[in-house]
Amino acid sequence: MSRTEILENARLVLPDRVEAGWLAIADGGIVETGTGRAPERGLDLDGDLLLPGLVELHTDHLESHYAPRPGVRWHPLGAVLAYDAQIAASGITTVFDSLRAGSEADGSGLGPELDALAGALAQARAEGLFRVEHRTHLRCELPTADVVDTVTAFAERHPVGLISLMDHTPGQRQFRDLAKYYQYAGRGGRSLEAIQAGTERKIREGRAQSAVNRPALVALAQARGIPLASHDDTTLDDVALSRDERVALAEFPTTRAAAEASHAAGITVMMGAPNLIRGGSHSGNVAAQDLAEAGLLSILSSDYVPASLMMAAFVLAERVPGISLPAAIATVTDNPARATGLADRGRIAPDLRADLVRVRLAQGVPVVRQVWRAGERVV
């Protein structure tokens, strides 16, 4: 006989409303919810909000645990477990670990070290060491010579939940403004002269590689049934290409025109939570709030700050008229789950998985107090 756990005296964030009530968990799932006083005593949540566990589709944070400084590599399993703890503490119960595929000519990125992190992820998963559920998002750098071979080999050994098509060639998409590209490329201390000297070659070689690699990766994803995302779509031609490739997600479109065209084509628009919280893009691209106000935004991603995902959902409900708290929470729970075919989570409802987060607001900032994954307390 399974034991039923009651979470009582909570404010449940349901798909269409917030109501004071209780929730019952058994066998890792939600078996019942109700309003008012619970039928029996359970864990008293003291009036805190109870949300579905967050679903994160694009976080670059794992690599910073593995490579915390230039030339430094941490123990792969240690890096993976530290990252997992940070993800769980952010209220995220399902995470798509973004791993770069493709060796950069300047030595940046994981290159062949991708296997080390993938092996550590597989080990932690097999040994039950994770607090949250980890899936793989391959960030495919289209201008690199080995990206297709790398992804092909990876997909033969490991499950892949999402593939994004990325092209950071200077002069287009995110880096259509070369001044912004020079600023970004100089973060590691490289001189402007050195960056400019290599830019022309990057443009020439990047375009040639991308023209070959993009269709090959699209074919691979379609053959294996892996959802596709297109990164930094900027022009209407970019979106038309994504539509023809049956891309499911528009990851961080850089212009409103691209977001509007993606939405019209049935491509789900995802923007960065830091963009929303900061009030705009750090690189001068379209503001996430502007897209939300226009009804174009469906999913938020933490991008480079895991804790931003929870915070952004509350900021969205506060700043954008017409977006209720349940609708805002859906951008970090139900919507990303549905976009990647995960129908068993993302909402508080009977028969769904008991991925849950207890949250209290402190001066408007959401504080994660407890987290359950499949009914098991992990934070």
Protein backbone atom coordinates (compact mmCIF):
# COMPACT_ATOMS: atom_id res chain seq x y z
CA MET A 1 0.00 0.00 0.00
CA SER A 2 1.43 3.39 -0.96
CA ARG A 3 1.36 6.18 1.59
CA THR A 4 -0.54 9.34 0.73
CA GLU A 5 1.10 12.62 1.64
CA ILE A 6 -1.03 15.72 2.17
CA LEU A 7 0.24 19.26 1.57
CA GLU A 8 -2.23 21.58 3.29
CA ASN A 9 -2.80 25.28 3.95
CA ALA A 10 -1.34 26.22 0.57
CA ARG A 11 -2.25 28.64 -2.18
CA LEU A 12 -2.39 26.34 -5.20
CA VAL A 13 -1.41 27.89 -8.54
CA LEU A 14 -3.77 25.97 -10.80
CA PRO A 15 -3.92 26.35 -14.61
CA ASP A 16 -6.66 29.01 -14.43
CA ARG A 17 -6.67 30.38 -10.89
CA VAL A 18 -4.98 30.60 -7.50
CA GLU A 19 -6.97 29.14 -4.64
CA ALA A 20 -6.42 28.28 -0.99
CA GLY A 21 -6.48 24.54 -0.53
CA TRP A 22 -4.61 21.27 -0.30
CA LEU A 23 -3.04 18.58 -2.45
CA ALA A 24 -2.57 14.83 -2.03
CA ILE A 25 0.42 12.87 -3.40
CA ALA A 26 0.77 9.09 -3.82
CA ASP A 27 3.05 6.92 -5.97
CA GLY A 28 4.87 9.98 -7.24
CA GLY A 29 1.75 11.61 -8.66
CA ILE A 30 -0.95 14.10 -7.75
CA VAL A 31 -4.05 12.14 -6.79
CA GLU A 32 -6.36 14.90 -5.60
CA THR A 33 -6.65 18.61 -4.90
CA GLY A 34 -9.25 20.50 -2.93
CA THR A 35 -10.22 23.89 -1.56
CA GLY A 36 -10.30 24.96 2.06
CA ARG A 37 -9.27 22.64 4.85
CA ALA A 38 -7.71 19.27 4.00
CA PRO A 39 -9.63 16.08 4.88
CA GLU A 40 -6.75 15.04 7.15
CA ARG A 41 -3.68 16.67 8.62
CA GLY A 42 -0.55 16.91 6.53
CA LEU A 43 2.43 19.18 5.94
CA ASP A 44 1.32 22.73 6.74
CA LEU A 45 2.62 25.10 4.04
CA ASP A 46 1.66 28.15 6.09
CA GLY A 47 -0.17 29.85 3.25
CA ASP A 48 2.77 29.68 0.82
CA LEU A 49 2.25 29.32 -2.92
CA LEU A 50 2.46 25.80 -4.37
CA LEU A 51 3.49 25.77 -8.04
CA PRO A 52 4.19 23.07 -10.60
CA GLY A 53 7.89 22.26 -10.88
CA LEU A 54 9.62 24.48 -13.44
CA VAL A 55 10.72 23.12 -16.82
CA GLU A 56 13.93 24.65 -18.19
CA LEU A 57 14.73 24.20 -21.87
CA HIS A 58 17.92 26.22 -22.33
CA THR A 59 20.46 26.85 -19.59
CA ASP A 60 24.14 27.39 -20.36
CA HIS A 61 25.10 26.99 -16.72
CA LEU A 62 26.49 23.45 -16.68
CA GLU A 63 29.55 24.38 -18.70
CA SER A 64 30.47 27.13 -16.22
CA HIS A 65 30.62 24.50 -13.45
CA TYR A 66 32.85 22.27 -15.56
CA ALA A 67 35.05 25.11 -16.92
CA PRO A 68 34.90 27.80 -14.20
CA ARG A 69 38.01 29.63 -15.48
CA PRO A 70 39.89 29.69 -18.80
CA GLY A 71 42.00 26.54 -18.98
CA VAL A 72 40.44 25.06 -15.80
CA ARG A 73 38.45 21.81 -15.92
CA TRP A 74 36.61 20.59 -12.83
CA HIS A 75 35.88 16.95 -12.00
CA PRO A 76 33.01 16.10 -14.42
CA LEU A 77 30.81 14.30 -11.88
CA GLY A 78 31.47 16.94 -9.24
CA ALA A 79 30.54 19.68 -11.72
CA VAL A 80 27.35 17.91 -12.75
CA LEU A 81 26.19 17.38 -9.17
CA ALA A 82 26.92 20.97 -8.12
CA TYR A 83 24.95 22.19 -11.13
CA ASP A 84 22.07 19.82 -10.30
CA ALA A 85 21.87 21.22 -6.76
CA GLN A 86 21.70 24.77 -8.09
CA ILE A 87 19.00 23.84 -10.58
CA ALA A 88 16.89 22.17 -7.86
CA ALA A 89 17.28 25.14 -5.52
CA SER A 90 15.92 27.34 -8.32
CA GLY A 91 12.65 25.37 -8.36
CA ILE A 92 13.45 23.60 -11.64
CA THR A 93 12.41 19.93 -11.62
CA THR A 94 13.02 19.16 -15.32
CA VAL A 95 16.07 20.62 -17.03
CA PHE A 96 17.36 20.30 -20.57
CA ASP A 97 21.12 20.56 -20.11
CA SER A 98 22.48 22.73 -22.91
CA LEU A 99 25.69 21.21 -24.26
CA ARG A 100 27.61 22.80 -27.12
CA ALA A 101 28.33 20.49 -30.05
CA GLY A 102 31.00 21.58 -32.48
CA SER A 103 34.68 22.50 -31.96
CA GLU A 104 35.42 26.21 -32.27
CA ALA A 105 38.58 27.21 -34.11
CA ASP A 106 39.60 29.48 -31.20
CA GLY A 107 39.35 26.60 -28.72
CA SER A 108 36.18 27.81 -26.99
CA GLY A 109 33.35 25.39 -26.30
CA LEU A 110 33.59 21.80 -25.16
CA GLY A 111 34.82 20.19 -28.36
CA PRO A 112 35.79 16.57 -27.63
CA GLU A 113 35.19 17.19 -23.90
CA LEU A 114 31.47 16.90 -24.61
CA ASP A 115 31.86 13.16 -23.96
CA ALA A 116 33.24 13.79 -20.46
CA LEU A 117 30.18 15.76 -19.39
CA ALA A 118 27.78 13.41 -21.15
CA GLY A 119 29.39 10.48 -19.34
CA ALA A 120 29.08 12.23 -15.97
CA LEU A 121 25.43 13.02 -16.65
CA ALA A 122 24.75 9.40 -17.59
CA GLN A 123 26.55 8.13 -14.48
CA ALA A 124 24.64 10.41 -12.12
CA ARG A 125 21.37 9.43 -13.77
CA ALA A 126 22.09 5.69 -13.60
CA GLU A 127 23.16 5.86 -9.95
CA GLY A 128 20.16 7.94 -8.85
CA LEU A 129 22.31 10.89 -7.76
CA PHE A 130 20.22 13.64 -9.33
CA ARG A 131 17.68 15.77 -7.48
CA VAL A 132 15.88 16.76 -10.71
CA GLU A 133 15.25 15.13 -14.08
CA HIS A 134 17.96 15.87 -16.63
CA ARG A 135 17.46 15.74 -20.38
CA THR A 136 19.84 16.80 -23.13
CA HIS A 137 19.66 19.88 -25.33
CA LEU A 138 22.42 19.91 -27.96
CA ARG A 139 23.36 23.45 -28.97
CA CYS A 140 24.70 22.79 -32.45
CA GLU A 141 27.22 25.38 -33.62
CA LEU A 142 26.58 25.35 -37.36
CA PRO A 143 29.79 27.09 -38.51
CA THR A 144 32.03 24.35 -37.02
CA ALA A 145 33.61 21.63 -39.14
CA ASP A 146 32.82 18.68 -36.87
CA VAL A 147 29.32 19.46 -35.62
CA VAL A 148 27.45 16.90 -37.74
CA ASP A 149 29.84 14.07 -36.86
CA THR A 150 29.74 15.06 -33.19
CA VAL A 151 25.94 15.12 -33.00
CA THR A 152 25.61 11.88 -34.96
CA ALA A 153 27.98 10.06 -32.62
CA PHE A 154 26.38 11.58 -29.52
CA ALA A 155 22.85 10.62 -30.58
CA GLU A 156 23.94 7.03 -31.09
CA ARG A 157 25.12 6.80 -27.46
CA HIS A 158 22.82 9.13 -25.52
CA PRO A 159 19.18 10.27 -25.67
CA VAL A 160 18.68 13.79 -27.04
CA GLY A 161 15.58 15.77 -26.08
CA LEU A 162 16.13 18.94 -28.10
CA ILE A 163 18.44 20.20 -30.84
CA SER A 164 18.98 23.90 -31.45
CA LEU A 165 20.46 25.28 -34.66
CA MET A 166 22.93 28.03 -33.75
CA ASP A 167 24.89 30.28 -36.04
CA HIS A 168 27.05 32.89 -34.33
CA THR A 169 28.83 33.93 -37.53
CA PRO A 170 29.57 37.69 -37.29
CA GLY A 171 27.41 39.99 -39.37
CA GLN A 172 24.06 38.21 -39.00
CA ARG A 173 21.48 37.04 -36.44
CA GLN A 174 22.60 37.95 -32.91
CA PHE A 175 25.79 39.54 -34.20
CA ARG A 176 24.42 41.51 -37.14
CA ASP A 177 25.92 44.55 -35.36
CA LEU A 178 29.67 43.95 -35.64
CA ALA A 179 30.39 46.41 -32.81
CA LYS A 180 28.36 44.17 -30.47
CA TYR A 181 30.23 41.14 -31.77
CA TYR A 182 33.61 42.77 -31.07
CA GLN A 183 32.47 43.58 -27.54
CA TYR A 184 31.29 40.00 -26.96
CA ALA A 185 34.40 38.40 -28.48
CA GLY A 186 36.66 40.56 -26.34
CA ARG A 187 35.39 39.24 -23.02
CA GLY A 188 38.42 36.98 -22.62
CA GLY A 189 40.87 39.88 -22.96
CA ARG A 190 41.55 39.58 -26.70
CA SER A 191 42.49 42.84 -28.40
CA LEU A 192 40.15 44.52 -30.85
CA GLU A 193 42.83 44.23 -33.55
CA ALA A 194 43.07 40.45 -33.08
CA ILE A 195 39.29 40.05 -33.19
CA GLN A 196 38.91 42.18 -36.32
CA ALA A 197 41.70 40.29 -38.07
CA GLY A 198 39.83 37.01 -37.77
CA THR A 199 36.33 38.30 -38.46
CA GLU A 200 36.50 38.23 -42.25
CA ARG A 201 37.69 34.62 -42.19
CA LYS A 202 34.94 33.69 -39.72
CA ILE A 203 32.30 35.21 -41.97
CA ARG A 204 33.58 33.43 -45.07
CA GLU A 205 34.11 30.02 -43.46
CA GLY A 206 31.04 30.23 -41.24
CA ARG A 207 28.65 30.76 -44.12
CA ALA A 208 30.12 27.84 -46.05
CA GLN A 209 29.96 25.45 -43.08
CA SER A 210 26.44 26.48 -42.07
CA ALA A 211 25.09 25.95 -45.58
CA VAL A 212 26.16 22.29 -45.38
CA ASN A 213 25.61 21.56 -41.68
CA ARG A 214 22.15 23.01 -41.14
CA PRO A 215 20.25 20.73 -43.58
CA ALA A 216 22.24 17.71 -42.35
CA LEU A 217 21.28 18.37 -38.72
CA VAL A 218 17.65 19.03 -39.63
CA ALA A 219 17.52 15.67 -41.41
CA LEU A 220 19.12 13.93 -38.43
CA ALA A 221 16.63 15.46 -35.96
CA GLN A 222 13.64 14.62 -38.12
CA ALA A 223 14.79 11.04 -38.63
CA ARG A 224 15.12 10.56 -34.87
CA GLY A 225 12.00 12.50 -33.87
CA ILE A 226 13.98 15.14 -31.92
CA PRO A 227 12.29 18.56 -31.56
CA LEU A 228 14.14 21.40 -33.28
CA ALA A 229 14.80 24.96 -32.15
CA SER A 230 16.20 27.75 -34.28
CA HIS A 231 18.39 30.22 -32.40
CA ASP A 232 18.40 34.00 -32.88
CA ASP A 233 16.12 34.21 -35.92
CA THR A 234 16.29 37.84 -37.04
CA THR A 235 14.81 38.29 -40.52
CA LEU A 236 11.69 37.04 -42.26
CA ASP A 237 13.96 34.82 -44.37
CA ASP A 238 15.30 33.22 -41.17
CA VAL A 239 11.76 32.42 -40.06
CA ALA A 240 10.75 31.11 -43.48
CA LEU A 241 13.67 28.69 -43.32
CA SER A 242 12.65 27.58 -39.81
CA ARG A 243 9.08 27.05 -40.97
CA ASP A 244 10.21 24.91 -43.91
CA GLU A 245 12.38 22.85 -41.53
CA ARG A 246 9.39 22.24 -39.19
CA VAL A 247 11.17 23.94 -36.30
CA ALA A 248 9.12 23.81 -33.09
CA LEU A 249 10.80 26.57 -31.06
CA ALA A 250 12.04 30.04 -31.92
CA GLU A 251 14.81 30.48 -29.37
CA PHE A 252 15.41 34.14 -28.52
CA PRO A 253 14.35 35.82 -31.80
CA THR A 254 16.29 39.06 -32.00
CA THR A 255 13.61 41.24 -33.64
CA ARG A 256 9.90 41.76 -33.20
CA ALA A 257 9.38 41.02 -36.90
CA ALA A 258 10.95 37.58 -36.47
CA ALA A 259 8.86 36.88 -33.36
CA GLU A 260 5.65 37.92 -35.13
CA ALA A 261 6.44 35.75 -38.14
CA SER A 262 7.34 32.78 -35.93
CA HIS A 263 4.10 33.11 -33.97
CA ALA A 264 2.09 33.34 -37.19
CA ALA A 265 3.82 30.20 -38.49
CA GLY A 266 2.92 28.22 -35.36
CA ILE A 267 6.49 28.25 -34.02
CA THR A 268 6.56 28.69 -30.24
CA VAL A 269 8.47 31.80 -29.16
CA MET A 270 10.90 31.51 -26.24
CA MET A 271 12.75 34.43 -24.66
CA GLY A 272 15.30 34.83 -21.90
CA ALA A 273 14.21 35.43 -18.33
CA PRO A 274 17.18 37.79 -17.70
CA ASN A 275 16.01 39.90 -20.65
CA LEU A 276 12.59 40.28 -18.98
CA ILE A 277 13.93 41.01 -15.49
CA ARG A 278 16.50 43.55 -16.72
CA GLY A 279 13.92 45.31 -18.87
CA GLY A 280 15.69 44.56 -22.14
CA SER A 281 18.33 42.58 -23.97
CA HIS A 282 21.98 43.02 -22.92
CA SER A 283 22.95 42.84 -26.61
CA GLY A 284 20.39 45.31 -27.96
CA ASN A 285 17.87 42.80 -29.30
CA VAL A 286 14.10 42.97 -28.88
CA ALA A 287 12.81 43.14 -25.29
CA ALA A 288 10.99 40.09 -23.94
CA GLN A 289 8.42 42.33 -22.26
CA ASP A 290 7.51 43.93 -25.58
CA LEU A 291 6.81 40.50 -27.05
CA ALA A 292 4.78 39.50 -23.98
CA GLU A 293 2.66 42.63 -24.25
CA ALA A 294 2.03 41.81 -27.92
CA GLY A 295 0.88 38.27 -27.05
CA LEU A 296 3.86 36.67 -28.81
CA LEU A 297 5.74 35.16 -25.85
CA SER A 298 4.97 31.57 -24.80
CA ILE A 299 8.07 30.31 -22.95
CA LEU A 300 10.75 31.79 -20.73
CA SER A 301 14.22 30.29 -20.26
CA SER A 302 16.79 31.09 -17.59
CA ASP A 303 19.56 31.22 -20.23
CA TYR A 304 22.59 32.12 -18.09
CA VAL A 305 21.03 32.63 -14.60
CA PRO A 306 19.08 29.58 -13.30
CA ALA A 307 17.34 31.52 -10.50
CA SER A 308 15.97 34.01 -13.03
CA LEU A 309 13.35 31.55 -14.28
CA MET A 310 11.18 31.65 -11.16
CA MET A 311 11.67 35.37 -10.68
CA ALA A 312 10.75 36.17 -14.27
CA ALA A 313 7.39 34.41 -14.01
CA PHE A 314 6.36 36.70 -11.15
CA VAL A 315 7.79 39.76 -12.90
CA LEU A 316 5.77 38.87 -16.01
CA ALA A 317 2.49 38.77 -14.07
CA GLU A 318 3.35 42.03 -12.31
CA ARG A 319 4.44 44.06 -15.34
CA VAL A 320 2.22 42.93 -18.18
CA PRO A 321 -1.50 43.74 -17.91
CA GLY A 322 -3.69 40.84 -18.92
CA ILE A 323 -1.20 38.14 -17.93
CA SER A 324 -2.41 36.49 -14.73
CA LEU A 325 -0.10 34.67 -12.34
CA PRO A 326 -1.28 31.23 -13.59
CA ALA A 327 -0.63 32.30 -17.20
CA ALA A 328 2.80 33.63 -16.26
CA ILE A 329 3.67 30.43 -14.38
CA ALA A 330 2.65 28.44 -17.47
CA THR A 331 5.49 30.07 -19.43
CA VAL A 332 7.98 28.23 -17.18
CA THR A 333 6.01 25.03 -16.56
CA ASP A 334 3.20 23.84 -18.83
CA ASN A 335 4.23 25.57 -22.05
CA PRO A 336 7.83 24.27 -22.17
CA ALA A 337 6.63 20.81 -21.13
CA ARG A 338 4.12 20.68 -23.98
CA ALA A 339 6.60 22.10 -26.50
CA THR A 340 8.92 19.15 -25.87
CA GLY A 341 6.25 16.44 -25.64
CA LEU A 342 6.22 16.07 -21.84
CA ALA A 343 2.50 15.65 -21.19
CA ASP A 344 2.87 14.23 -17.67
CA ARG A 345 3.98 17.43 -15.91
CA GLY A 346 3.77 21.22 -15.91
CA ARG A 347 0.40 21.65 -14.17
CA ILE A 348 -1.17 20.97 -10.79
CA ALA A 349 -3.87 18.47 -11.69
CA PRO A 350 -4.79 14.88 -10.73
CA ASP A 351 -2.92 12.10 -12.56
CA LEU A 352 0.07 14.31 -13.36
CA ARG A 353 3.51 13.89 -11.85
CA ALA A 354 3.97 15.48 -8.42
CA ASP A 355 6.70 17.93 -9.44
CA LEU A 356 6.00 20.79 -7.05
CA VAL A 357 7.62 23.93 -5.63
CA ARG A 358 6.74 25.75 -2.43
CA VAL A 359 7.36 29.50 -2.82
CA ARG A 360 7.12 32.47 -0.49
CA LEU A 361 7.43 36.07 -1.64
CA ALA A 362 9.92 38.28 0.20
CA GLN A 363 9.53 41.91 -0.87
CA GLY A 364 8.24 40.65 -4.18
CA VAL A 365 11.12 38.20 -4.72
CA PRO A 366 10.07 34.52 -4.90
CA VAL A 367 11.93 32.38 -2.39
CA VAL A 368 12.02 28.63 -3.06
CA ARG A 369 11.38 26.86 0.25
CA GLN A 370 10.75 23.25 -0.74
CA VAL A 371 10.83 21.20 -3.94
CA TRP A 372 9.34 17.80 -4.77
CA ARG A 373 10.21 15.73 -7.83
CA ALA A 374 7.78 12.88 -8.55
CA GLY A 375 6.53 13.21 -4.99
CA GLU A 376 9.97 12.96 -3.39
CA ARG A 377 11.32 15.94 -1.46
CA VAL A 378 14.61 17.07 -3.07
CA VAL A 379 15.06 20.55 -1.51
